[in-house]
Amino acid sequence: MVCLGNICRSPLAEGIMRQKIEDKGLSWTVDSAGTASYHIGEPPHKLSQKIASNHGISISNQRCRKLDPKDANTFDAIFVMDRENYKNTIHILGKDAAHKVHLILNFLYPGEDREVPDPWYGEEPLYEEVFLLLDKACNRVLDHLLSEK
């Protein structure tokens, strides 16, 4: 799960997907990262943590990290929150990894290249909106990945 700073959206997506994977009894690895290094080592934004907690998911142990070229070999699929970070992810991972990189909302809105809003400067209701959007998208992503197995 990738966004710009790995502080708001991608930590939520990681927490949501991790919970869904655990609920299904799968032993898959899920992680998140940012394409920029603004918040390395920091926990997710306090409102991301609060909204996740309100939904029974703890993301407080996560720490922000920057996307690493090695992630291209570590992960089978990489889900990105917006078009700019899609381009940055391809740049960081290399064009050979492009087939693994997907805009996460294309699983809800195929081919529309919609973006997950960045709640960084927003209030709590926007974080809730982002959570609900990512929850729906993660359901579709999980269904897709399970259908490929």
Protein backbone atom coordinates (compact mmCIF):
# COMPACT_ATOMS: atom_id res chain seq x y z
CA MET A 1 0.00 0.00 0.00
CA VAL A 2 1.63 3.24 -1.15
CA CYS A 3 0.89 6.95 -0.73
CA LEU A 4 3.08 10.03 -0.49
CA GLY A 5 4.28 10.12 3.12
CA ASN A 6 3.03 6.78 4.47
CA ILE A 7 1.32 8.74 7.22
CA CYS A 8 -2.44 8.76 6.46
CA ARG A 9 -3.81 6.69 3.57
CA SER A 10 -1.39 3.80 3.13
CA PRO A 11 -1.23 2.99 6.88
CA LEU A 12 -5.03 2.81 6.88
CA ALA A 13 -4.98 0.58 3.80
CA GLU A 14 -2.34 -1.65 5.38
CA GLY A 15 -4.33 -1.99 8.60
CA ILE A 16 -7.59 -2.69 6.77
CA MET A 17 -6.04 -5.26 4.46
CA ARG A 18 -4.10 -6.93 7.27
CA GLN A 19 -7.35 -7.37 9.23
CA LYS A 20 -9.15 -8.82 6.21
CA ILE A 21 -6.28 -11.22 5.54
CA GLU A 22 -6.22 -12.36 9.18
CA ASP A 23 -10.00 -12.78 9.19
CA LYS A 24 -9.67 -15.15 6.22
CA GLY A 25 -6.88 -17.10 7.92
CA LEU A 26 -4.37 -16.26 5.20
CA SER A 27 -0.66 -15.97 5.85
CA TRP A 28 0.01 -13.16 3.42
CA THR A 29 2.31 -10.23 4.08
CA VAL A 30 0.99 -6.69 3.79
CA ASP A 31 2.98 -3.52 4.32
CA SER A 32 2.84 0.14 3.43
CA ALA A 33 5.30 2.79 2.33
CA GLY A 34 5.52 6.31 0.98
CA THR A 35 7.19 7.61 -2.14
CA ALA A 36 8.65 10.51 -0.13
CA SER A 37 10.70 10.44 3.04
CA TYR A 38 8.87 13.12 5.04
CA HIS A 39 7.85 10.96 8.01
CA ILE A 40 10.28 8.03 8.20
CA GLY A 41 10.06 6.30 11.56
CA GLU A 42 6.93 8.15 12.69
CA PRO A 43 3.65 6.44 13.61
CA PRO A 44 0.62 7.05 11.39
CA HIS A 45 -1.26 10.32 11.71
CA LYS A 46 -3.26 10.53 14.95
CA LEU A 47 -6.57 10.78 13.06
CA SER A 48 -5.70 7.73 10.93
CA GLN A 49 -5.01 5.86 14.16
CA LYS A 50 -8.24 7.10 15.73
CA ILE A 51 -10.45 6.19 12.76
CA ALA A 52 -8.82 2.76 12.42
CA SER A 53 -9.33 2.17 16.15
CA ASN A 54 -12.97 3.23 15.85
CA HIS A 55 -13.31 0.34 13.38
CA GLY A 56 -11.49 -2.16 15.61
CA ILE A 57 -8.13 -1.95 13.84
CA SER A 58 -4.90 -0.90 15.51
CA ILE A 59 -2.27 0.75 13.32
CA SER A 60 -0.35 2.34 16.19
CA ASN A 61 2.62 -0.03 15.83
CA GLN A 62 3.21 0.88 12.20
CA ARG A 63 6.10 3.18 11.35
CA CYS A 64 6.42 5.26 8.22
CA ARG A 65 8.98 4.16 5.70
CA LYS A 66 9.99 5.09 2.19
CA LEU A 67 9.30 2.76 -0.70
CA ASP A 68 12.47 0.83 -1.56
CA PRO A 69 13.44 -0.60 -4.97
CA LYS A 70 13.74 -4.00 -3.22
CA ASP A 71 9.96 -3.89 -2.61
CA ALA A 72 9.54 -4.80 -6.28
CA ASN A 73 10.91 -8.25 -5.50
CA THR A 74 9.35 -8.58 -2.05
CA PHE A 75 5.70 -7.99 -3.01
CA ASP A 76 3.50 -9.62 -5.64
CA ALA A 77 1.22 -6.60 -5.92
CA ILE A 78 1.51 -2.94 -5.01
CA PHE A 79 -1.55 -0.75 -4.54
CA VAL A 80 -1.20 3.01 -4.88
CA MET A 81 -3.54 5.75 -3.67
CA ASP A 82 -3.20 8.30 -6.51
CA ARG A 83 -1.80 8.94 -9.99
CA GLU A 84 1.22 10.99 -8.89
CA ASN A 85 2.33 8.27 -6.49
CA TYR A 86 1.64 5.68 -9.18
CA LYS A 87 4.23 7.43 -11.38
CA ASN A 88 6.62 7.83 -8.47
CA THR A 89 6.23 4.16 -7.52
CA ILE A 90 7.12 3.04 -11.06
CA HIS A 91 10.09 5.40 -10.98
CA ILE A 92 11.34 4.00 -7.65
CA LEU A 93 10.68 0.32 -8.40
CA GLY A 94 11.63 0.39 -12.08
CA LYS A 95 9.60 -0.23 -15.22
CA ASP A 96 10.00 -3.99 -14.87
CA ALA A 97 7.74 -3.82 -11.81
CA ALA A 98 5.02 -1.76 -13.52
CA HIS A 99 2.79 -4.82 -13.99
CA LYS A 100 2.59 -5.16 -10.18
CA VAL A 101 1.52 -1.55 -9.54
CA HIS A 102 -2.21 -0.72 -9.42
CA LEU A 103 -4.32 2.26 -8.48
CA ILE A 104 -6.34 0.81 -5.61
CA LEU A 105 -9.60 2.50 -6.57
CA ASN A 106 -9.53 0.88 -10.01
CA PHE A 107 -10.80 -2.20 -8.18
CA LEU A 108 -13.95 -0.23 -7.28
CA TYR A 109 -14.11 1.91 -10.41
CA PRO A 110 -12.36 -0.05 -13.19
CA GLY A 111 -10.42 2.08 -15.64
CA GLU A 112 -11.45 5.39 -14.07
CA ASP A 113 -8.10 6.04 -12.35
CA ARG A 114 -9.84 7.65 -9.37
CA GLU A 115 -7.71 8.78 -6.47
CA VAL A 116 -8.08 8.23 -2.74
CA PRO A 117 -8.38 11.74 -1.26
CA ASP A 118 -5.43 12.78 0.86
CA PRO A 119 -6.84 13.69 4.29
CA TRP A 120 -3.58 15.26 5.53
CA TYR A 121 -5.02 18.78 5.87
CA GLY A 122 -8.57 17.63 6.54
CA GLU A 123 -10.67 17.02 9.60
CA GLU A 124 -11.83 13.73 11.11
CA PRO A 125 -14.81 13.23 8.73
CA LEU A 126 -12.43 13.09 5.76
CA TYR A 127 -10.36 10.40 7.49
CA GLU A 128 -13.58 8.43 8.02
CA GLU A 129 -14.47 8.85 4.33
CA VAL A 130 -11.01 7.63 3.32
CA PHE A 131 -11.31 4.64 5.67
CA LEU A 132 -14.67 3.59 4.23
CA LEU A 133 -13.41 3.99 0.66
CA LEU A 134 -10.30 1.94 1.38
CA ASP A 135 -12.36 -0.70 3.18
CA LYS A 136 -14.50 -1.21 0.08
CA ALA A 137 -11.46 -1.19 -2.19
CA CYS A 138 -9.63 -3.72 0.00
CA ASN A 139 -12.63 -6.05 -0.21
CA ARG A 140 -12.41 -5.95 -3.99
CA VAL A 141 -8.63 -6.30 -4.00
CA LEU A 142 -8.85 -9.32 -1.73
CA ASP A 143 -11.53 -10.92 -3.91
CA HIS A 144 -9.35 -10.29 -6.96
CA LEU A 145 -6.23 -11.74 -5.37
CA LEU A 146 -8.10 -14.82 -4.13
CA SER A 147 -9.55 -15.40 -7.61
CA GLU A 148 -6.01 -15.43 -9.04
CA LYS A 149 -4.84 -18.18 -6.67
